[in-house]
Amino acid sequence: MSLLGDGLDAAVHKAFTRPVPKSASAQMRYLVKQLKGTKAVAQMLRISQRTVERYVKEQIKKPRPDLAARLEGEVKKRWQPQIRAKARQKAATTGGIVIDTRARIGYTAPIGTTDEDRLRHLTVALPPRYAARLFDAQEAGATDQQLQQIAAEALKEVYFQDSGRRAGSLEEVRFADIEHLEFDL
């Protein structure tokens, strides 16, 4: 996935009320229950149906690293969908989202002056409309570049322009070379 997409997922995962199953057999049982059968799980994970059955019966306990990553990703994608939906809805309507980033950020002003990109560490509370845009774009399968563009627009309005109180003629904000990125709902 992408850096921003993973960050959004991690923020939503903090809202979970129960821990995600940790063992491979528990994860496999969860997927079998969700997809209503071993055949569908086998096709999704690109393994044999018999292998799925062995994990469910705990005859196999430790998956290969690539299978473990796919298994964990699929379980997290499906874990507590109602809690996930409520967290996203709250962020998109009332709560907003906080972005904490250390990245190379710069801007261009209309007179031709530019502030050269420089490493900045920002922690900024974004309004709900930007949280909604980020989550909607993520659901639509947006690339990391598209998510960065939305985040840059949000930083332009909230941080640089202070919600319209200053730097009204700011044209563009560049947001690149991300060293650290974390979202919080």
Foldseek 3Di string as FASTA:
>chain_A
DDPVLVQLLVQLVVQDPDDQDDWQLVLLVVVCVVVVHLVVVCVQLVHDSVVSVCSVVVVDTDDDPVSSVSSVVVSSVPPPPVSSVVVLVCCQPPQPKKKWFWFFKWFAFPVGDIDGTDTDTDIFGFHNNLSNVLVVCVVVPHDNVVSQQSVQVRCCCCPVCVNPVDSVRIDGMDTDPIPDIHMHD
